[in-house]
Structure formats: C-alpha cells, structure tokens
C-alpha cells in the first residue's frame, strides 16, 4: 500500500463543485431528529453511496433514552391583525422551533411574544431553536420583524403531527482486510443550516466514496445519524460489536473559511488523536488542537465512559464560536467549496495515516546499509527534495526496531508521514525492512 493511498482522483475544481452542489441540494430540506426530512436527505445520499437505512420505532428504549414520537411538519405561519403572513415557514424552515406541537389559535401580541425567539444583536437573522423533549411550541423570527409587529390579535398555525413513527438513520459498512473498524459519523438532524449539518454530511459522503474506491486494511463504518438520540440509539443496537472500533472521527462544521480545530478523544492520546495532530501540523491552513470535553457533538456519546471509544471530532470554526452558528446566516454563502474540499483532504490524510502506519524491523541493523548500490535513491525520485528523501530513509532505518511505528518516526523526525511511509515502502521493496505490525484480528473470512 503506497504512501499516497488516499489521494483524490480527478479535477480538484470538479470535486469542489460536486461537494458544494450536494450542500445546495440538501439545503432546502426541513430536517429534525425524526421525520420525512431525514428520509429525504438519506435518499439523496444513496444516489452517491450505498447507505443502508434503518428505522427504529418510537418508544424503543436506548439506554436511558427513548426514541421519541415522529415529528412531521406541513406548514406554519403567523398572521397579523390584518391577516397578512408576517412569519411563514415556507419562506424559511428555521421559523418554526423544531418539534413544536401542533397549534392553531388566536392570541394577543403580548401572549404571542412568549412563543417568539429572536436575536437582538443580529436583527436580520433568524435563530435556530428546538424543543425536542418538551411539550411546547414556538417560532423563531428576525428581531426586526418582531420589533415591527403591531398590537392586536394574531392568528397562529403550526400544522404538524407528533405521532408514533420511527427514528431514521443511515449506515454504510465498507469491509476491509480486517474486521477492525474506523468509524466516521455526522449528524443529519438540522434544517437549513449549511455549516452545522450539511458540510459534515458532504465531507463524510465524499470520504466514503474515496475510501470505497481503494483497497483498505480497516473496515469503515459511516453513520449519518440524528444528533444525540441517533448515536445513542445506534450504540444501544450495536453494543456487542462496538469493540471492533479502533479509530473514529466525527465530522461537523467543516465548510466555513476558518482554520481547523480537532477535539481529541476522551483518551487524549489515541492513535486517531496523534494522526489528526500530525496531519494538521503539516498542512497549510491554521489549526488548533483541543482536549476532550463532555459537550459538543456525538463524540461525547461514543466517548462516554461505558464505551470510551477512540473517537475525535474534526471541525473548522468550533460550534458556538462564530456568529452565524445556529442562525439563518449559516447559509449557502457562508460555506465555501474550497473549504469543503480542504476538509475532505484533511480527513482523507488522517485516514491515510491510520491505514499506512506500520511497525517494522530493520533487517540490516548493524551499521548503516549501503543504499546507493541498491538504487534506492533513484527509487525515491518523483520530485521529492533529495535531502528530505534521504533523511526519511535514514530515520526509518534508524528507528525500525519493532517498537516504533511510522507515525512515531514521522513525529520524532518532523517529516510528513507520507514521506516516511514512502521511504518505508522503498526500503521494504529492497528487503531492508520486515513488517512486524501486530494484527488485532485476522483477515475477514
């Protein structure tokens, strides 16, 4: 397996266009933790990757949680005293607080205000709010709209149903040479929010396409789940086999123009944490590493102490730390095609490190073997800086003692993992290295 195992094929501009096009297609859909919006989203993704769609009945117990009734919304609006629609769900699906119970009533402006949410500091933006597990209803409005409402009686309608149904999620397993798994997870429960929802979906989808087109050491499990209740439900249904997960990555907020942020797993020093740190150290976009905290996205479910899976979270600007977060400003202008492609490249590079990391023994350890007579320097051509290529060879020979992995060597030397892996490939071809990587499981039968 070469060092460039996961390099994307084709035109980079075409990839940017395709990823952004997927975000555009998904943007109008009203998603929540259950309901037709999730199914419509997964149906679009199945055009690109062969997802298996699971339906879990309402009322199903998932550890301390219960799958809620299914929420379906058809329409919603507020009419002012003159009968004009001043708030209209069909203009923005953010207008309705997600999971609002159905209502059709008349009430005064004073009574209506207790059901309205706005952002005084961002008067033209519509906030995003939910009421998943409360028997409540509400609307989200631009503050300038709220301020302009005249006194009088308003007609309010939320045409929705909360009834027994299902929680829906998508899953894709790409079998590899072993049953050890890499988990990639994203959430599919937000309505028209591009960065906090759709960017993770797009990067996960195209990462699945890329991984699926390559021979691979690990098996890869991609999950497209509603946040919190989806990952908890999946864990409850797969408790017997989650021990196969050796590495994991939650993808979210990966389409904005900010720098990268990686949140470590609860373990803090798992191979996924080291691989992500290494990749981010050697790419051009600024990056920040953060320790685990029990707040955020579904990494906190996978890392909960009853599982303690090695799952980190890859973001660009962290949630809650950019003004557009959970507002109507998280739109098609906020995410960037290039940012999506950069995020895919980083995720793919992390996977390439996981796939390529090996432990070797130098078969000629007494003194430095003569590389020139074996034609090894010529083998390391391909435009690489000669000095860097030579140093990679020497570092690999020096530390291939059966104890150090290639990632250990890359971190210690300061060289990119791809350079170290390529040097190892060449040395192995010339019988100067022997692979002693310990396999946790045997080949898949």
Protein backbone atom coordinates (compact mmCIF):
# COMPACT_ATOMS: atom_id res chain seq x y z
CA UNK A 1 0.00 0.00 0.00
CA UNK A 2 1.65 3.23 -1.11
CA UNK A 3 2.02 6.41 0.91
CA UNK A 4 -0.40 8.21 -1.42
CA UNK A 5 -3.12 5.57 -0.96
CA UNK A 6 -5.92 8.08 -0.40
CA UNK A 7 -5.10 10.84 -2.84
CA UNK A 8 -8.23 12.00 -4.65
CA UNK A 9 -8.50 11.34 -8.35
CA UNK A 10 -9.68 13.79 -10.99
CA UNK A 11 -10.08 17.55 -11.17
CA UNK A 12 -9.97 19.34 -7.78
CA UNK A 13 -12.30 22.06 -9.08
CA UNK A 14 -14.83 19.43 -10.12
CA UNK A 15 -14.67 17.92 -6.63
CA UNK A 16 -15.32 21.31 -5.03
CA UNK A 17 -18.28 21.83 -7.34
CA UNK A 18 -19.72 18.39 -6.60
CA UNK A 19 -19.45 18.75 -2.83
CA UNK A 20 -20.94 22.22 -2.82
CA UNK A 21 -23.65 21.01 -5.18
CA UNK A 22 -24.65 18.35 -2.65
CA UNK A 23 -24.94 21.03 0.03
CA UNK A 24 -27.11 23.10 -2.32
CA UNK A 25 -29.45 20.18 -2.96
CA UNK A 26 -29.82 19.35 0.72
CA UNK A 27 -30.19 22.94 1.90
CA UNK A 28 -33.97 23.42 1.41
CA UNK A 29 -34.97 20.26 3.31
CA UNK A 30 -36.53 20.65 6.76
CA UNK A 31 -34.77 18.07 8.93
CA UNK A 32 -35.23 17.21 12.58
CA UNK A 33 -34.32 14.25 14.78
CA UNK A 34 -37.12 12.23 13.13
CA UNK A 35 -39.41 12.64 10.17
CA UNK A 36 -39.53 12.86 6.40
CA UNK A 37 -36.69 15.39 6.14
CA UNK A 38 -34.17 12.82 7.37
CA UNK A 39 -35.51 10.22 4.95
CA UNK A 40 -35.36 12.65 2.02
CA UNK A 41 -31.78 13.55 2.96
CA UNK A 42 -30.68 9.91 3.14
CA UNK A 43 -32.42 9.17 -0.16
CA UNK A 44 -30.28 11.84 -1.84
CA UNK A 45 -27.13 10.44 -0.25
CA UNK A 46 -28.00 6.96 -1.52
CA UNK A 47 -27.56 8.33 -5.04
CA UNK A 48 -23.86 8.70 -4.16
CA UNK A 49 -23.14 5.93 -1.65
CA UNK A 50 -24.99 2.65 -0.90
CA UNK A 51 -26.37 3.53 2.52
CA UNK A 52 -28.49 1.09 4.47
CA UNK A 53 -31.40 2.97 6.02
CA UNK A 54 -32.58 1.86 9.47
CA UNK A 55 -35.98 2.66 11.02
CA UNK A 56 -36.25 2.39 14.82
CA UNK A 57 -39.81 2.56 16.21
CA UNK A 58 -40.91 5.33 18.56
CA UNK A 59 -40.87 4.12 22.14
CA UNK A 60 -37.76 1.98 21.67
CA UNK A 61 -35.55 2.13 24.74
CA UNK A 62 -31.95 3.20 24.11
CA UNK A 63 -30.13 3.05 27.43
CA UNK A 64 -31.56 5.97 29.47
CA UNK A 65 -33.33 7.45 26.43
CA UNK A 66 -36.48 6.60 24.50
CA UNK A 67 -36.97 7.11 20.77
CA UNK A 68 -39.50 9.98 20.63
CA UNK A 69 -42.66 10.29 18.55
CA UNK A 70 -42.04 11.17 14.93
CA UNK A 71 -42.44 14.84 14.03
CA UNK A 72 -43.85 15.83 10.66
CA UNK A 73 -44.46 19.44 9.73
CA UNK A 74 -46.56 20.51 6.77
CA UNK A 75 -46.89 24.28 7.17
CA UNK A 76 -46.72 27.07 9.73
CA UNK A 77 -47.38 30.80 9.82
CA UNK A 78 -48.30 33.83 11.87
CA UNK A 79 -50.87 36.29 10.52
CA UNK A 80 -51.03 39.84 11.83
CA UNK A 81 -54.29 41.64 12.74
CA UNK A 82 -54.79 42.50 9.05
CA UNK A 83 -54.49 38.84 8.01
CA UNK A 84 -51.06 39.20 6.43
CA UNK A 85 -48.46 36.44 6.93
CA UNK A 86 -45.65 38.09 8.82
CA UNK A 87 -43.89 34.78 9.56
CA UNK A 88 -44.02 31.96 7.03
CA UNK A 89 -42.45 28.51 7.35
CA UNK A 90 -42.41 28.20 3.57
CA UNK A 91 -40.02 31.14 3.34
CA UNK A 92 -37.62 29.67 5.94
CA UNK A 93 -37.92 26.37 7.75
CA UNK A 94 -35.95 27.91 10.63
CA UNK A 95 -39.06 29.91 11.55
CA UNK A 96 -40.58 27.01 13.50
CA UNK A 97 -39.00 25.79 16.71
CA UNK A 98 -38.18 22.19 15.81
CA UNK A 99 -40.54 19.61 17.31
CA UNK A 100 -43.21 22.21 18.12
CA UNK A 101 -46.51 20.57 18.92
CA UNK A 102 -49.38 21.45 16.56
CA UNK A 103 -51.30 24.61 17.34
CA UNK A 104 -53.94 26.76 15.67
CA UNK A 105 -55.12 29.64 17.78
CA UNK A 106 -55.59 33.39 18.14
CA UNK A 107 -53.80 35.41 20.78
CA UNK A 108 -52.66 38.89 21.62
CA UNK A 109 -49.22 40.20 20.74
CA UNK A 110 -48.30 40.09 24.41
CA UNK A 111 -49.19 36.41 24.67
CA UNK A 112 -47.53 35.65 21.33
CA UNK A 113 -44.21 37.20 22.38
CA UNK A 114 -43.63 34.41 24.93
CA UNK A 115 -43.52 31.97 22.00
CA UNK A 116 -41.13 34.02 19.83
CA UNK A 117 -37.31 33.84 19.77
CA UNK A 118 -35.11 36.46 18.12
CA UNK A 119 -31.54 37.78 18.17
CA UNK A 120 -31.45 41.46 19.17
CA UNK A 121 -27.74 41.70 18.35
CA UNK A 122 -28.30 40.26 14.84
CA UNK A 123 -31.65 41.82 13.95
CA UNK A 124 -31.94 40.45 10.40
CA UNK A 125 -31.02 36.84 11.25
CA UNK A 126 -33.43 34.05 12.18
CA UNK A 127 -32.21 31.84 15.06
CA UNK A 128 -32.49 28.04 15.16
CA UNK A 129 -34.08 26.50 18.24
CA UNK A 130 -35.54 23.12 19.24
CA UNK A 131 -38.00 21.73 21.79
CA UNK A 132 -37.33 18.04 21.24
CA UNK A 133 -38.40 16.64 24.59
CA UNK A 134 -40.79 19.34 25.82
CA UNK A 135 -44.49 19.73 25.08
CA UNK A 136 -44.15 23.24 23.67
CA UNK A 137 -44.34 25.31 20.52
CA UNK A 138 -42.69 28.42 19.20
CA UNK A 139 -41.44 30.49 16.29
CA UNK A 140 -38.02 31.93 15.50
CA UNK A 141 -38.11 35.35 13.87
CA UNK A 142 -35.78 38.11 12.81
CA UNK A 143 -35.67 40.70 15.59
CA UNK A 144 -36.51 43.47 13.14
CA UNK A 145 -39.70 41.57 12.28
CA UNK A 146 -40.54 41.17 15.97
CA UNK A 147 -40.00 44.86 16.64
CA UNK A 148 -42.30 45.82 13.76
CA UNK A 149 -45.30 43.75 14.94
CA UNK A 150 -48.29 45.99 15.76
CA UNK A 151 -50.57 45.49 18.72
CA UNK A 152 -53.65 43.38 18.09
CA UNK A 153 -54.82 39.81 17.72
CA UNK A 154 -52.71 37.30 15.78
CA UNK A 155 -53.63 34.02 14.17
CA UNK A 156 -51.02 31.33 14.71
CA UNK A 157 -50.82 27.95 12.98
CA UNK A 158 -48.32 25.11 13.20
CA UNK A 159 -49.64 22.31 11.01
CA UNK A 160 -47.60 19.40 12.36
CA UNK A 161 -48.04 15.94 13.80
CA UNK A 162 -46.33 14.21 16.70
CA UNK A 163 -47.27 10.55 16.46
CA UNK A 164 -45.80 7.06 16.76
CA UNK A 165 -43.36 6.55 13.93
CA UNK A 166 -39.64 5.95 13.62
CA UNK A 167 -36.18 7.37 14.10
CA UNK A 168 -34.27 7.05 10.83
CA UNK A 169 -30.52 6.81 10.29
CA UNK A 170 -28.15 5.77 7.52
CA UNK A 171 -25.23 3.37 7.80
CA UNK A 172 -22.57 2.20 5.38
CA UNK A 173 -20.05 -0.54 6.13
CA UNK A 174 -17.09 -0.86 3.76
CA UNK A 175 -15.38 -4.17 4.64
CA UNK A 176 -11.60 -4.18 4.72
CA UNK A 177 -8.85 -6.76 5.15
CA UNK A 178 -9.64 -6.96 8.87
CA UNK A 179 -12.77 -6.58 10.95
CA UNK A 180 -11.18 -3.72 12.90
CA UNK A 181 -13.19 -0.61 12.14
CA UNK A 182 -12.78 3.10 11.58
CA UNK A 183 -15.99 4.94 12.50
CA UNK A 184 -16.94 8.15 10.68
CA UNK A 185 -20.06 9.89 11.98
CA UNK A 186 -22.03 13.02 11.13
CA UNK A 187 -25.42 14.39 12.19
CA UNK A 188 -28.42 14.75 9.86
CA UNK A 189 -30.96 16.47 12.13
CA UNK A 190 -30.69 20.20 11.39
CA UNK A 191 -32.91 22.09 8.91
CA UNK A 192 -31.45 24.68 6.52
CA UNK A 193 -28.05 25.16 8.15
CA UNK A 194 -25.12 24.66 5.81
CA UNK A 195 -22.03 24.53 8.01
CA UNK A 196 -23.51 22.98 11.13
CA UNK A 197 -25.03 19.98 9.41
CA UNK A 198 -24.61 19.85 5.66
CA UNK A 199 -20.84 20.35 5.49
CA UNK A 200 -20.24 17.28 7.64
CA UNK A 201 -22.67 15.27 5.55
CA UNK A 202 -20.93 16.30 2.32
CA UNK A 203 -17.41 15.54 3.57
CA UNK A 204 -18.48 12.19 5.05
CA UNK A 205 -20.23 11.22 1.81
CA UNK A 206 -17.26 12.00 -0.40
CA UNK A 207 -14.85 10.41 2.07
CA UNK A 208 -16.94 7.24 1.85
CA UNK A 209 -16.73 7.36 -1.95
CA UNK A 210 -12.97 7.79 -1.78
CA UNK A 211 -12.40 5.05 0.80
CA UNK A 212 -14.75 2.72 -1.06
CA UNK A 213 -12.68 3.03 -4.22
CA UNK A 214 -9.45 1.83 -2.57
CA UNK A 215 -8.16 -1.46 -1.14
CA UNK A 216 -8.07 -0.98 2.62
CA UNK A 217 -6.67 -2.52 5.76
CA UNK A 218 -9.53 -1.43 8.05
CA UNK A 219 -13.26 -1.76 7.66
CA UNK A 220 -15.04 1.59 7.59
CA UNK A 221 -18.42 2.33 9.13
CA UNK A 222 -20.08 5.59 8.12
CA UNK A 223 -23.03 6.78 10.21
CA UNK A 224 -25.49 9.50 9.24
CA UNK A 225 -27.50 9.89 12.44
CA UNK A 226 -29.71 12.43 14.21
CA UNK A 227 -27.64 14.14 16.88
CA UNK A 228 -27.51 12.61 20.37
CA UNK A 229 -30.56 10.34 20.17
CA UNK A 230 -29.28 8.86 16.90
CA UNK A 231 -25.81 7.95 18.14
CA UNK A 232 -27.18 6.69 21.46
CA UNK A 233 -29.72 4.55 19.60
CA UNK A 234 -27.02 3.18 17.30
CA UNK A 235 -24.78 2.35 20.27
CA UNK A 236 -27.64 0.59 22.04
CA UNK A 237 -28.33 -1.55 18.96
CA UNK A 238 -24.66 -2.40 18.36
CA UNK A 239 -23.25 -2.73 21.86
CA UNK A 240 -21.95 -6.24 21.20
CA UNK A 241 -19.73 -5.19 18.29
CA UNK A 242 -18.53 -1.66 19.08
CA UNK A 243 -15.31 -3.20 20.40
CA UNK A 244 -14.20 -3.53 16.78
CA UNK A 245 -13.87 0.26 16.52
CA UNK A 246 -10.17 1.10 16.65
CA UNK A 247 -10.40 4.71 15.46
CA UNK A 248 -13.23 7.19 14.98
CA UNK A 249 -13.96 10.67 13.70
CA UNK A 250 -17.00 12.92 13.99
CA UNK A 251 -17.24 15.43 11.13
CA UNK A 252 -19.08 18.71 11.70
CA UNK A 253 -18.73 22.36 10.78
CA UNK A 254 -16.17 21.69 8.07
CA UNK A 255 -17.36 24.12 5.38
CA UNK A 256 -16.61 27.59 6.77
CA UNK A 257 -13.46 29.57 5.89
CA UNK A 258 -11.93 29.37 9.39
CA UNK A 259 -8.93 27.33 10.42
CA UNK A 260 -9.20 23.69 11.50
CA UNK A 261 -10.00 22.53 15.02
CA UNK A 262 -9.52 18.98 16.24
CA UNK A 263 -11.05 17.87 19.53
CA UNK A 264 -9.24 14.90 20.99
CA UNK A 265 -10.98 11.74 22.13
CA UNK A 266 -11.65 11.17 25.82
CA UNK A 267 -8.49 9.03 25.90
CA UNK A 268 -6.48 12.03 24.73
CA UNK A 269 -3.61 10.10 23.13
CA UNK A 270 -5.38 7.54 20.96
CA UNK A 271 -3.89 6.84 17.52
CA UNK A 272 -6.67 8.92 15.92
CA UNK A 273 -5.62 11.86 18.11
CA UNK A 274 -1.99 11.51 17.09
CA UNK A 275 -2.84 11.01 13.42
CA UNK A 276 -5.06 14.11 13.35
CA UNK A 277 -2.45 16.21 15.16
CA UNK A 278 0.23 15.09 12.73
CA UNK A 279 -1.83 15.83 9.62
CA UNK A 280 -2.90 19.25 10.87
CA UNK A 281 0.69 20.12 11.76
CA UNK A 282 1.78 19.53 8.17
CA UNK A 283 -0.98 21.29 6.22
CA UNK A 284 -1.20 24.94 5.24
CA UNK A 285 -4.43 26.03 6.94
CA UNK A 286 -4.00 27.14 10.59
CA UNK A 287 -5.14 24.53 13.10
CA UNK A 288 -5.91 24.22 16.80
CA UNK A 289 -5.98 21.10 18.98
CA UNK A 290 -8.37 20.89 21.91
CA UNK A 291 -8.71 18.40 24.72
CA UNK A 292 -11.89 16.38 25.11
CA UNK A 293 -14.84 17.89 26.94
CA UNK A 294 -18.24 16.22 27.51
CA UNK A 295 -20.05 18.88 25.48
CA UNK A 296 -20.31 19.10 21.74
CA UNK A 297 -21.41 16.62 19.09
CA UNK A 298 -21.77 12.85 19.05
CA UNK A 299 -18.15 12.25 20.04
CA UNK A 300 -19.40 12.68 23.62
CA UNK A 301 -21.70 9.68 23.16
CA UNK A 302 -19.07 7.46 21.54
CA UNK A 303 -16.56 8.52 24.23
CA UNK A 304 -18.99 8.08 27.15
CA UNK A 305 -17.33 6.04 29.92
CA UNK A 306 -19.37 2.91 29.23
CA UNK A 307 -17.76 2.75 25.76
CA UNK A 308 -14.72 5.07 25.82
CA UNK A 309 -14.25 4.65 22.09
CA UNK A 310 -11.27 6.43 20.49
CA UNK A 311 -13.36 9.00 18.61
CA UNK A 312 -12.27 12.60 18.00
CA UNK A 313 -14.05 15.47 16.29
CA UNK A 314 -12.83 17.39 13.24
CA UNK A 315 -14.19 20.91 12.75
CA UNK A 316 -13.16 24.21 11.30
CA UNK A 317 -14.61 27.06 13.44
CA UNK A 318 -15.95 25.37 16.62
CA UNK A 319 -19.67 25.37 17.31
CA UNK A 320 -20.91 28.44 19.15
CA UNK A 321 -17.75 30.39 18.34
CA UNK A 322 -18.80 32.05 15.11
CA UNK A 323 -21.74 34.47 14.83
CA UNK A 324 -23.51 32.52 12.11
CA UNK A 325 -23.83 29.40 14.26
CA UNK A 326 -27.44 28.20 14.57
CA UNK A 327 -28.82 31.13 12.58
CA UNK A 328 -30.12 31.76 9.09
CA UNK A 329 -26.72 33.28 8.26
CA UNK A 330 -25.31 29.74 8.17
CA UNK A 331 -26.39 29.63 4.56
CA UNK A 332 -25.02 28.86 1.12
CA UNK A 333 -22.87 32.00 1.18
CA UNK A 334 -21.22 31.02 4.47
CA UNK A 335 -19.81 27.67 3.34
CA UNK A 336 -17.11 27.64 0.67
CA UNK A 337 -16.44 24.99 -1.97
CA UNK A 338 -12.70 25.20 -1.33
CA UNK A 339 -13.19 24.79 2.43
CA UNK A 340 -15.23 21.63 1.86
CA UNK A 341 -12.50 20.18 -0.36
CA UNK A 342 -9.78 21.13 2.13
CA UNK A 343 -11.71 19.39 4.88
CA UNK A 344 -12.07 16.28 2.77
CA UNK A 345 -8.33 16.34 2.10
CA UNK A 346 -7.55 16.57 5.82
CA UNK A 347 -9.98 13.76 6.71
CA UNK A 348 -8.54 11.62 3.91
CA UNK A 349 -5.00 12.32 5.09
CA UNK A 350 -5.91 11.23 8.61
CA UNK A 351 -7.33 8.01 7.19
CA UNK A 352 -4.18 7.54 5.11
CA UNK A 353 -2.06 7.76 8.28
CA UNK A 354 -4.24 5.19 10.03
CA UNK A 355 -4.06 2.90 7.01
CA UNK A 356 -0.36 3.34 6.45
CA UNK A 357 1.00 3.21 9.97
CA UNK A 358 3.16 0.12 10.44
CA UNK A 359 5.82 -1.26 12.71
CA UNK A 360 8.98 -2.55 11.01
CA UNK A 361 12.28 -4.20 11.87
CA UNK A 362 15.47 -3.21 10.06
CA UNK A 363 16.87 -6.39 8.51
CA UNK A 364 20.36 -4.88 8.23
CA UNK A 365 20.70 -3.16 11.60
CA UNK A 366 24.46 -3.38 12.17
CA UNK A 367 25.68 -0.12 10.80
CA UNK A 368 24.04 1.82 8.02
CA UNK A 369 23.29 -0.28 4.92
CA UNK A 370 24.61 0.96 1.59
CA UNK A 371 21.63 2.48 -0.16
CA UNK A 372 23.32 3.75 -3.30
CA UNK A 373 24.38 0.36 -4.58
CA UNK A 374 20.78 -0.85 -4.30
CA UNK A 375 19.43 2.03 -6.40
CA UNK A 376 17.28 3.21 -3.52
CA UNK A 377 17.92 6.91 -4.07
CA UNK A 378 16.68 6.57 -7.64
CA UNK A 379 13.59 4.77 -6.31
CA UNK A 380 12.85 7.76 -4.08
CA UNK A 381 12.68 10.15 -7.06
CA UNK A 382 9.39 11.58 -8.22
CA UNK A 383 10.19 15.21 -7.50
CA UNK A 384 10.87 14.81 -3.78
CA UNK A 385 13.53 17.01 -2.27
CA UNK A 386 16.66 14.85 -2.33
CA UNK A 387 17.81 15.80 1.16
CA UNK A 388 14.36 15.20 2.69
CA UNK A 389 14.07 11.86 0.92
CA UNK A 390 17.48 10.78 2.19
CA UNK A 391 16.61 11.86 5.74
CA UNK A 392 13.35 9.91 5.61
CA UNK A 393 15.27 6.77 4.63
CA UNK A 394 17.77 7.23 7.44
CA UNK A 395 15.11 7.94 10.07
CA UNK A 396 13.13 4.86 9.08
CA UNK A 397 16.22 2.64 9.17
CA UNK A 398 17.34 4.06 12.49
CA UNK A 399 14.03 3.59 14.32
CA UNK A 400 12.64 0.44 12.71
CA UNK A 401 13.38 -1.68 15.77
CA UNK A 402 9.97 -3.32 16.19
CA UNK A 403 8.95 -0.80 18.84
CA UNK A 404 8.43 2.41 16.86
CA UNK A 405 5.66 2.88 14.31
CA UNK A 406 5.99 5.00 11.20
CA UNK A 407 3.88 7.68 12.90
CA UNK A 408 6.31 7.62 15.83
CA UNK A 409 9.14 8.16 13.35
CA UNK A 410 7.31 10.93 11.50
CA UNK A 411 6.57 12.80 14.73
CA UNK A 412 10.12 12.42 16.05
CA UNK A 413 11.76 13.43 12.77
CA UNK A 414 9.38 16.27 11.97
CA UNK A 415 8.86 14.84 8.49
CA UNK A 416 5.42 14.41 6.91
CA UNK A 417 4.01 10.92 7.37
CA UNK A 418 3.69 10.48 3.59
CA UNK A 419 7.46 10.96 3.18
CA UNK A 420 8.24 8.48 5.94
CA UNK A 421 5.78 5.96 4.55
CA UNK A 422 7.21 6.29 1.07
CA UNK A 423 10.73 5.70 2.42
CA UNK A 424 9.48 2.60 4.23
CA UNK A 425 7.83 1.30 1.06
CA UNK A 426 11.08 1.65 -0.87
CA UNK A 427 13.17 0.04 1.87
CA UNK A 428 10.76 -2.84 2.14
CA UNK A 429 10.88 -3.37 -1.63
CA UNK A 430 14.66 -3.74 -1.24
CA UNK A 431 14.24 -6.21 1.63
CA UNK A 432 15.72 -3.87 4.23
CA UNK A 433 12.55 -3.86 6.35
CA UNK A 434 10.33 -6.59 7.73
CA UNK A 435 6.75 -5.79 8.74
CA UNK A 436 6.06 -6.83 12.34
CA UNK A 437 2.78 -4.97 12.76
CA UNK A 438 0.63 -6.87 15.23
CA UNK A 439 -2.85 -7.63 13.86
CA UNK A 440 -5.65 -7.40 16.41
CA UNK A 441 -7.87 -9.63 14.32
CA UNK A 442 -7.38 -11.95 11.43
CA UNK A 443 -8.47 -11.39 7.84
CA UNK A 444 -12.18 -11.18 7.18
CA UNK A 445 -13.44 -14.56 6.06
